[in-house]
């Protein structure tokens, strides 16, 4: 059985996603809430989505235990 980190990295490969170091740290953060301030076009929405995948698929956190919040309608729809 692969480790959670190896599993998420495999999923990134399948999706063609290569996070930068800051994105990677945010996605892999599993020890409580995470505040993610960043500028426009920095990949915040993608990081939120991948963090939810990491928590749910790799760490078996139930979806109803994950809270995501964003300020844009575009990000909310994704």
C-alpha atoms as a PDB file:
ATOM      1  CA  UNK A   1       0.000   0.000   0.000  1.00  0.00           C
ATOM      2  CA  UNK A   2       1.521   3.361  -1.015  1.00  0.00           C
ATOM      3  CA  UNK A   3       2.012   6.084   1.547  1.00  0.00           C
ATOM      4  CA  UNK A   4      -0.442   9.024   1.404  1.00  0.00           C
ATOM      5  CA  UNK A   5       2.288  11.245  -0.064  1.00  0.00           C
ATOM      6  CA  UNK A   6       3.153   8.727  -2.799  1.00  0.00           C
ATOM      7  CA  UNK A   7      -0.540   8.313  -3.635  1.00  0.00           C
ATOM      8  CA  UNK A   8      -1.160  12.059  -4.046  1.00  0.00           C
ATOM      9  CA  UNK A   9       2.028  12.372  -6.116  1.00  0.00           C
ATOM     10  CA  UNK A  10       0.756   9.556  -8.364  1.00  0.00           C
ATOM     11  CA  UNK A  11      -2.563  11.379  -8.773  1.00  0.00           C
ATOM     12  CA  UNK A  12      -0.662  14.568  -9.677  1.00  0.00           C
ATOM     13  CA  UNK A  13       1.223  12.621 -12.345  1.00  0.00           C
ATOM     14  CA  UNK A  14      -2.017  11.229 -13.774  1.00  0.00           C
ATOM     15  CA  UNK A  15      -3.516  14.732 -13.890  1.00  0.00           C
ATOM     16  CA  UNK A  16      -0.348  16.366 -15.271  1.00  0.00           C
ATOM     17  CA  UNK A  17      -0.076  18.657 -12.244  1.00  0.00           C
ATOM     18  CA  UNK A  18       3.292  19.780 -10.883  1.00  0.00           C
ATOM     19  CA  UNK A  19       2.846  21.950  -7.787  1.00  0.00           C
ATOM     20  CA  UNK A  20       5.485  24.490  -6.881  1.00  0.00           C
ATOM     21  CA  UNK A  21       7.040  24.110  -3.399  1.00  0.00           C
ATOM     22  CA  UNK A  22       4.547  26.463  -1.690  1.00  0.00           C
ATOM     23  CA  UNK A  23       1.578  24.739  -3.349  1.00  0.00           C
ATOM     24  CA  UNK A  24       2.972  21.335  -2.408  1.00  0.00           C
ATOM     25  CA  UNK A  25       3.347  22.356   1.247  1.00  0.00           C
ATOM     26  CA  UNK A  26      -0.226  23.655   1.352  1.00  0.00           C
ATOM     27  CA  UNK A  27      -1.678  20.538  -0.305  1.00  0.00           C
ATOM     28  CA  UNK A  28       0.220  18.174   1.984  1.00  0.00           C
ATOM     29  CA  UNK A  29      -0.700  20.114   5.155  1.00  0.00           C
ATOM     30  CA  UNK A  30      -3.021  17.851   7.140  1.00  0.00           C
ATOM     31  CA  UNK A  31      -2.540  19.084  10.711  1.00  0.00           C
ATOM     32  CA  UNK A  32      -5.585  21.313  11.120  1.00  0.00           C
ATOM     33  CA  UNK A  33      -6.903  24.371   9.339  1.00  0.00           C
ATOM     34  CA  UNK A  34      -4.890  26.194   6.709  1.00  0.00           C
ATOM     35  CA  UNK A  35      -5.194  29.864   5.769  1.00  0.00           C
ATOM     36  CA  UNK A  36      -4.027  30.306   2.186  1.00  0.00           C
ATOM     37  CA  UNK A  37      -3.527  33.955   1.196  1.00  0.00           C
ATOM     38  CA  UNK A  38      -2.031  34.479  -2.260  1.00  0.00           C
ATOM     39  CA  UNK A  39      -2.324  36.785  -5.216  1.00  0.00           C
ATOM     40  CA  UNK A  40      -4.401  36.438  -8.380  1.00  0.00           C
ATOM     41  CA  UNK A  41      -3.379  33.593 -10.664  1.00  0.00           C
ATOM     42  CA  UNK A  42      -1.236  31.889  -8.042  1.00  0.00           C
ATOM     43  CA  UNK A  43      -3.179  28.615  -8.088  1.00  0.00           C
ATOM     44  CA  UNK A  44      -5.190  28.998  -4.863  1.00  0.00           C
ATOM     45  CA  UNK A  45      -8.274  27.247  -6.220  1.00  0.00           C
ATOM     46  CA  UNK A  46      -6.259  24.367  -7.612  1.00  0.00           C
ATOM     47  CA  UNK A  47      -4.472  24.020  -4.261  1.00  0.00           C
ATOM     48  CA  UNK A  48      -7.815  23.986  -2.411  1.00  0.00           C
ATOM     49  CA  UNK A  49      -9.119  21.260  -4.684  1.00  0.00           C
ATOM     50  CA  UNK A  50      -5.975  19.130  -4.420  1.00  0.00           C
ATOM     51  CA  UNK A  51      -5.875  19.607  -0.651  1.00  0.00           C
ATOM     52  CA  UNK A  52      -9.444  18.267  -0.451  1.00  0.00           C
ATOM     53  CA  UNK A  53      -8.447  15.284  -2.621  1.00  0.00           C
ATOM     54  CA  UNK A  54      -5.426  14.646  -0.415  1.00  0.00           C
ATOM     55  CA  UNK A  55      -7.481  14.778   2.780  1.00  0.00           C
ATOM     56  CA  UNK A  56     -10.326  12.645   1.401  1.00  0.00           C
ATOM     57  CA  UNK A  57      -8.552  10.056  -0.739  1.00  0.00           C
ATOM     58  CA  UNK A  58      -5.160   9.769   0.940  1.00  0.00           C
ATOM     59  CA  UNK A  59      -6.078  10.425   4.580  1.00  0.00           C
ATOM     60  CA  UNK A  60      -9.683   9.150   4.591  1.00  0.00           C
ATOM     61  CA  UNK A  61     -11.136  12.406   5.920  1.00  0.00           C
ATOM     62  CA  UNK A  62     -14.858  12.339   5.168  1.00  0.00           C
ATOM     63  CA  UNK A  63     -16.068  15.080   2.794  1.00  0.00           C
ATOM     64  CA  UNK A  64     -18.481  16.445   5.413  1.00  0.00           C
ATOM     65  CA  UNK A  65     -15.447  17.109   7.651  1.00  0.00           C
ATOM     66  CA  UNK A  66     -13.713  19.295   5.037  1.00  0.00           C
ATOM     67  CA  UNK A  67     -14.567  23.000   4.811  1.00  0.00           C
ATOM     68  CA  UNK A  68     -13.446  25.035   1.812  1.00  0.00           C
ATOM     69  CA  UNK A  69     -14.144  28.717   1.401  1.00  0.00           C
ATOM     70  CA  UNK A  70     -13.427  31.133  -1.418  1.00  0.00           C
ATOM     71  CA  UNK A  71     -14.428  34.672  -2.330  1.00  0.00           C
ATOM     72  CA  UNK A  72     -14.947  34.285  -6.067  1.00  0.00           C
ATOM     73  CA  UNK A  73     -17.924  32.794  -7.906  1.00  0.00           C
ATOM     74  CA  UNK A  74     -15.606  31.122 -10.436  1.00  0.00           C
ATOM     75  CA  UNK A  75     -13.682  29.292  -7.713  1.00  0.00           C
ATOM     76  CA  UNK A  76     -16.865  28.354  -5.876  1.00  0.00           C
ATOM     77  CA  UNK A  77     -18.290  26.727  -9.027  1.00  0.00           C
ATOM     78  CA  UNK A  78     -15.131  24.625  -9.470  1.00  0.00           C
END
